[in-house]
Amino acid sequence: MKVVTTVKELRRKFGKVIFPPVGLVPTMGALHEGHLSLVLSAIRECETVIVSIYVNPEQFNDKEDLKNYPRNTEKDLEMLQGVLRGNDLVFIPSDKEIYPEKDTRIFNFGNLDKVMEALHRPGHFNGVAKVVSRLFELTNPDISYFGIKDFQQVAVVKALVKQCGFNIRISAKPVIRETDGLAMSSRNQLLEPGIRDQAPVIYHTLRKVSSMMKEKDIPDIKIFVRNNIEKHKDFEIEYFEIVDDVELIPVNRKDEMGNDRRYYGCIAVKAGKIRLIDNIEIELS
């Protein structure tokens, strides 16, 4: 693999070693097996793979969260060295490379950036759209890979592609989990040990939601989810919603759910000082 840190270097490499189709795996570093699963998917499908490592300040509405976000570029490169091929690239730009000028763009994604994460992280998805569109312009991929753990982000990126007219396929891959069920996340390493031991309650609670749908309506399920998670000390639910996979419109009653769409239970939990998100598809039959 080859490591580049500037747009100039990236463009120089494009002229020498880029063979289509090109796959892009955007990351913020602190890589784990979930990221590697995306990289391996890209390797299987693409002649050239670009992995970007960039902690994007534009998508953090909390400066302390940005400051504390885990970073370990040396370890990230060691992990990628074991899977990437000779002509693949790792792009590690600085803020000035991504934003040579102040980016004042304002995106509108309709309902997608007005529910769930957007309510708790104002401006987050506008920041995501800025950096993803910039990376798309710089790397011109045929396919870009995202994990569905960030369910709402995937929906926003798909809308971005359509809105901006990018000729890019978005490949959304399943959630990769630890052996105890906790969704893999770069933030997991920031969890205090005692809280980490209890964190799988999030996934195990979500798993019960599908089976409860046969007998309970959504208001009762929401009460169960909150009680089951918040009975654990230091755990607090920010939201739990059941939404469709197209417009992410929250449903409040089962009779609002149609057979022409798929539905997901999406949750955000403050586990001590660390915020965790997860989701699961809801089986209707």
Protein backbone atom coordinates (compact mmCIF):
# COMPACT_ATOMS: atom_id res chain seq x y z
CA MET A 1 0.00 0.00 0.00
CA LYS A 2 1.01 3.62 -0.45
CA VAL A 3 0.40 6.39 2.09
CA VAL A 4 -0.34 9.92 0.88
CA THR A 5 -1.07 13.00 2.96
CA THR A 6 -1.73 15.74 0.42
CA VAL A 7 -4.12 16.27 -2.44
CA LYS A 8 -1.11 16.86 -4.72
CA GLU A 9 0.34 13.45 -3.82
CA LEU A 10 -3.06 11.82 -4.24
CA ARG A 11 -3.45 13.23 -7.74
CA ARG A 12 0.09 12.18 -8.66
CA LYS A 13 -0.63 8.59 -7.57
CA PHE A 14 -3.89 8.62 -9.51
CA GLY A 15 -1.92 9.16 -12.67
CA LYS A 16 0.29 6.14 -12.02
CA VAL A 17 -1.38 3.37 -10.05
CA ILE A 18 -5.16 3.79 -10.09
CA PHE A 19 -7.07 1.05 -11.88
CA PRO A 20 -10.89 0.95 -11.97
CA PRO A 21 -13.13 0.13 -10.34
CA VAL A 22 -12.03 2.28 -7.42
CA GLY A 23 -13.38 1.64 -3.94
CA LEU A 24 -13.33 4.28 -1.18
CA VAL A 25 -13.56 3.43 2.51
CA PRO A 26 -13.88 6.71 4.47
CA THR A 27 -12.85 6.38 8.14
CA MET A 28 -11.93 8.56 11.09
CA GLY A 29 -9.21 6.17 12.15
CA ALA A 30 -9.05 4.22 15.44
CA LEU A 31 -9.66 1.26 13.17
CA HIS A 32 -11.22 -2.00 14.33
CA GLU A 33 -12.51 -5.21 12.73
CA GLY A 34 -15.64 -3.43 11.54
CA HIS A 35 -13.53 -1.09 9.44
CA LEU A 36 -11.43 -3.97 8.16
CA SER A 37 -14.57 -5.80 7.04
CA LEU A 38 -15.37 -2.79 4.84
CA VAL A 39 -11.82 -2.74 3.47
CA LEU A 40 -11.96 -6.46 2.67
CA SER A 41 -15.29 -6.01 0.89
CA ALA A 42 -13.71 -3.24 -1.18
CA ILE A 43 -10.70 -5.43 -2.01
CA ARG A 44 -12.97 -8.20 -3.25
CA GLU A 45 -14.86 -5.87 -5.58
CA CYS A 46 -12.34 -3.23 -6.66
CA GLU A 47 -8.99 -3.13 -8.44
CA THR A 48 -7.90 -0.12 -6.39
CA VAL A 49 -8.94 0.66 -2.81
CA ILE A 50 -8.50 4.01 -1.08
CA VAL A 51 -8.87 4.16 2.70
CA SER A 52 -9.12 7.68 4.08
CA ILE A 53 -8.25 8.47 7.70
CA TYR A 54 -9.48 11.89 8.75
CA VAL A 55 -11.17 13.10 11.94
CA ASN A 56 -13.54 15.67 10.50
CA PRO A 57 -14.04 18.64 12.84
CA GLU A 58 -17.08 19.80 10.88
CA GLN A 59 -19.23 16.90 12.14
CA PHE A 60 -18.52 17.42 15.85
CA ASN A 61 -20.92 19.75 17.63
CA ASP A 62 -19.09 19.05 20.92
CA LYS A 63 -15.50 20.36 21.00
CA GLU A 64 -14.68 18.07 23.93
CA ASP A 65 -15.86 15.05 21.94
CA LEU A 66 -13.59 16.08 19.06
CA LYS A 67 -10.66 16.53 21.44
CA ASN A 68 -11.19 13.10 23.04
CA TYR A 69 -11.88 11.15 19.86
CA PRO A 70 -9.38 8.23 19.78
CA ARG A 71 -6.46 8.58 17.40
CA ASN A 72 -3.71 6.06 16.68
CA THR A 73 -2.46 6.44 13.14
CA GLU A 74 0.53 4.14 13.64
CA LYS A 75 -1.71 1.27 14.74
CA ASP A 76 -4.18 2.03 11.94
CA LEU A 77 -1.42 1.72 9.34
CA GLU A 78 -0.22 -1.55 10.84
CA MET A 79 -3.74 -2.99 10.52
CA LEU A 80 -4.11 -1.78 6.93
CA GLN A 81 -0.64 -3.05 5.98
CA GLY A 82 -1.88 -6.56 6.65
CA VAL A 83 -4.75 -6.39 4.15
CA LEU A 84 -4.15 -3.71 1.50
CA ARG A 85 -2.34 -4.50 -1.75
CA GLY A 86 0.59 -2.78 -3.41
CA ASN A 87 -1.47 -0.39 -5.54
CA ASP A 88 -3.97 0.52 -2.80
CA LEU A 89 -3.78 3.92 -1.09
CA VAL A 90 -4.19 5.27 2.41
CA PHE A 91 -5.08 8.96 2.36
CA ILE A 92 -4.35 10.81 5.63
CA PRO A 93 -5.00 14.50 4.95
CA SER A 94 -4.74 17.51 7.25
CA ASP A 95 -7.59 19.96 7.80
CA LYS A 96 -6.03 22.32 5.26
CA GLU A 97 -6.03 19.60 2.59
CA ILE A 98 -9.72 18.85 3.09
CA TYR A 99 -10.82 22.43 3.69
CA PRO A 100 -8.36 24.73 1.87
CA GLU A 101 -11.05 27.39 2.20
CA LYS A 102 -13.88 27.73 4.70
CA ASP A 103 -16.71 25.42 3.67
CA THR A 104 -19.97 27.33 4.08
CA ARG A 105 -22.22 24.88 2.25
CA ILE A 106 -25.59 24.10 3.79
CA PHE A 107 -27.26 20.84 2.78
CA ASN A 108 -30.93 19.96 3.07
CA PHE A 109 -31.81 16.28 3.35
CA GLY A 110 -35.45 16.69 4.29
CA ASN A 111 -36.53 14.45 7.14
CA LEU A 112 -33.24 12.53 7.12
CA ASP A 113 -31.38 15.24 9.03
CA LYS A 114 -34.23 16.27 11.30
CA VAL A 115 -34.70 13.13 13.42
CA MET A 116 -32.74 10.96 15.87
CA GLU A 117 -29.03 11.82 15.61
CA ALA A 118 -29.77 15.21 14.08
CA LEU A 119 -31.83 16.28 17.10
CA HIS A 120 -29.01 15.45 19.50
CA ARG A 121 -26.06 16.50 17.33
CA PRO A 122 -27.01 19.77 15.57
CA GLY A 123 -25.05 20.30 12.37
CA HIS A 124 -23.58 16.79 12.47
CA PHE A 125 -24.92 15.56 9.15
CA ASN A 126 -24.15 18.82 7.38
CA GLY A 127 -20.55 18.26 8.48
CA VAL A 128 -20.69 14.66 7.27
CA ALA A 129 -21.98 15.83 3.89
CA LYS A 130 -19.14 18.36 3.60
CA VAL A 131 -16.35 15.86 4.16
CA VAL A 132 -17.89 12.97 2.23
CA SER A 133 -18.60 15.13 -0.82
CA ARG A 134 -15.05 16.47 -0.64
CA LEU A 135 -13.60 12.95 -0.45
CA PHE A 136 -15.79 11.87 -3.36
CA GLU A 137 -14.54 14.77 -5.45
CA LEU A 138 -10.90 14.02 -4.62
CA THR A 139 -10.97 10.24 -5.11
CA ASN A 140 -13.75 9.82 -7.69
CA PRO A 141 -14.65 6.30 -6.52
CA ASP A 142 -16.96 3.89 -8.29
CA ILE A 143 -18.10 2.40 -4.97
CA SER A 144 -17.90 3.75 -1.42
CA TYR A 145 -18.28 1.54 1.63
CA PHE A 146 -20.06 2.37 4.88
CA GLY A 147 -21.15 0.36 7.90
CA ILE A 148 -24.86 0.23 8.64
CA LYS A 149 -24.16 0.76 12.35
CA ASP A 150 -24.30 4.41 11.34
CA PHE A 151 -27.76 3.80 9.91
CA GLN A 152 -28.83 7.41 9.57
CA GLN A 153 -25.48 8.43 8.11
CA VAL A 154 -25.84 5.84 5.35
CA ALA A 155 -29.25 7.25 4.44
CA VAL A 156 -27.82 10.79 4.38
CA VAL A 157 -24.86 9.74 2.19
CA LYS A 158 -27.19 8.03 -0.28
CA ALA A 159 -29.25 11.22 -0.44
CA LEU A 160 -26.04 13.24 -0.91
CA VAL A 161 -25.03 11.12 -3.89
CA LYS A 162 -28.42 11.66 -5.50
CA GLN A 163 -28.54 15.36 -4.66
CA CYS A 164 -25.05 16.13 -5.99
CA GLY A 165 -25.25 13.81 -9.00
CA PHE A 166 -22.29 11.63 -8.04
CA ASN A 167 -22.01 8.46 -10.13
CA ILE A 168 -21.10 6.38 -7.07
CA ARG A 169 -22.66 3.25 -5.62
CA ILE A 170 -22.99 3.25 -1.84
CA SER A 171 -22.35 -0.20 -0.40
CA ALA A 172 -23.79 -0.51 3.11
CA LYS A 173 -22.44 -3.44 5.11
CA PRO A 174 -23.86 -5.15 8.22
CA VAL A 175 -22.98 -4.21 11.78
CA ILE A 176 -19.89 -6.04 13.01
CA ARG A 177 -20.14 -6.98 16.69
CA GLU A 178 -17.92 -8.00 19.54
CA THR A 179 -18.39 -11.57 20.79
CA ASP A 180 -20.79 -10.29 23.48
CA GLY A 181 -22.95 -8.42 20.96
CA LEU A 182 -21.73 -4.85 21.43
CA ALA A 183 -21.52 -3.08 18.07
CA MET A 184 -17.90 -2.39 17.20
CA SER A 185 -17.06 1.29 17.47
CA SER A 186 -13.94 3.37 17.82
CA ARG A 187 -15.56 4.84 20.93
CA ASN A 188 -15.72 1.48 22.70
CA GLN A 189 -12.09 1.82 23.77
CA LEU A 190 -13.06 4.93 25.76
CA LEU A 191 -15.58 3.03 27.92
CA GLU A 192 -14.72 2.52 31.56
CA PRO A 193 -14.23 -1.22 32.28
CA GLY A 194 -17.34 -1.63 34.44
CA ILE A 195 -19.52 0.17 31.92
CA ARG A 196 -18.01 -1.80 29.04
CA ASP A 197 -19.04 -5.03 30.79
CA GLN A 198 -22.67 -3.89 30.86
CA ALA A 199 -22.77 -2.30 27.38
CA PRO A 200 -24.02 -5.47 25.57
CA VAL A 201 -27.41 -4.80 27.19
CA ILE A 202 -28.02 -2.37 24.30
CA TYR A 203 -27.89 -5.07 21.63
CA HIS A 204 -29.66 -7.71 23.73
CA THR A 205 -32.49 -5.26 24.37
CA LEU A 206 -32.80 -4.49 20.65
CA ARG A 207 -32.99 -8.20 19.88
CA LYS A 208 -36.07 -8.51 22.11
CA VAL A 209 -37.86 -5.73 20.23
CA SER A 210 -38.63 -7.83 17.14
CA SER A 211 -40.23 -10.63 19.14
CA MET A 212 -42.24 -8.13 21.18
CA MET A 213 -43.73 -6.58 18.03
CA LYS A 214 -46.04 -9.58 17.66
CA GLU A 215 -47.82 -8.89 20.94
CA LYS A 216 -47.02 -5.32 21.97
CA ASP A 217 -47.49 -1.95 20.32
CA ILE A 218 -44.68 0.55 19.92
CA PRO A 219 -45.42 2.74 23.00
CA ASP A 220 -45.17 -0.33 25.26
CA ILE A 221 -41.97 -1.43 23.50
CA LYS A 222 -40.40 2.00 24.05
CA ILE A 223 -41.15 1.76 27.76
CA PHE A 224 -39.56 -1.70 27.90
CA VAL A 225 -36.43 -0.55 26.06
CA ARG A 226 -35.92 2.44 28.34
CA ASN A 227 -36.54 0.46 31.54
CA ASN A 228 -34.35 -2.46 30.49
CA ILE A 229 -31.36 -0.29 29.66
CA GLU A 230 -31.67 2.42 32.29
CA LYS A 231 -31.91 -0.12 35.11
CA HIS A 232 -28.15 -0.25 34.62
CA LYS A 233 -26.31 2.47 36.49
CA ASP A 234 -24.75 5.18 34.31
CA PHE A 235 -26.82 4.23 31.24
CA GLU A 236 -29.23 6.80 29.80
CA ILE A 237 -31.21 6.58 26.55
CA GLU A 238 -31.10 9.64 24.32
CA TYR A 239 -33.61 8.16 21.89
CA PHE A 240 -35.11 4.91 20.70
CA GLU A 241 -37.13 5.06 17.49
CA ILE A 242 -38.53 2.59 14.99
CA VAL A 243 -38.14 4.11 11.53
CA ASP A 244 -38.51 3.11 7.89
CA ASP A 245 -35.34 2.65 5.86
CA VAL A 246 -36.17 5.24 3.19
CA GLU A 247 -37.22 8.50 4.83
CA LEU A 248 -36.44 7.52 8.45
CA ILE A 249 -39.90 8.58 9.56
CA PRO A 250 -40.52 7.38 13.15
CA VAL A 251 -43.61 5.21 13.56
CA ASN A 252 -45.66 5.43 16.74
CA ARG A 253 -48.08 2.55 16.19
CA LYS A 254 -47.81 -0.79 14.42
CA ASP A 255 -50.74 0.07 12.13
CA GLU A 256 -48.58 2.85 10.61
CA MET A 257 -46.10 0.28 9.27
CA GLY A 258 -46.45 -0.81 5.64
CA ASN A 259 -45.32 -4.04 4.00
CA ASP A 260 -43.51 -2.13 1.23
CA ARG A 261 -40.72 -0.91 3.52
CA ARG A 262 -38.17 -2.29 5.96
CA TYR A 263 -38.05 -0.98 9.49
CA TYR A 264 -35.22 -0.57 11.98
CA GLY A 265 -35.06 0.03 15.68
CA CYS A 266 -32.42 2.75 16.24
CA ILE A 267 -31.00 3.74 19.59
CA ALA A 268 -28.49 6.13 21.16
CA VAL A 269 -27.32 5.56 24.73
CA LYS A 270 -25.03 7.54 27.00
CA ALA A 271 -22.90 4.85 28.66
CA GLY A 272 -21.12 6.82 31.32
CA LYS A 273 -19.46 9.66 29.42
CA ILE A 274 -19.45 7.82 26.07
CA ARG A 275 -22.26 7.93 23.55
CA LEU A 276 -23.06 4.67 21.75
CA ILE A 277 -25.44 4.01 18.85
CA ASP A 278 -26.85 0.78 17.46
CA ASN A 279 -29.72 -0.51 15.36
CA ILE A 280 -31.46 -3.72 14.36
CA GLU A 281 -33.90 -4.61 11.62
CA ILE A 282 -37.43 -5.22 12.88
CA GLU A 283 -39.00 -8.44 11.65
CA LEU A 284 -42.69 -7.82 10.92
CA SER A 285 -43.67 -11.46 10.39
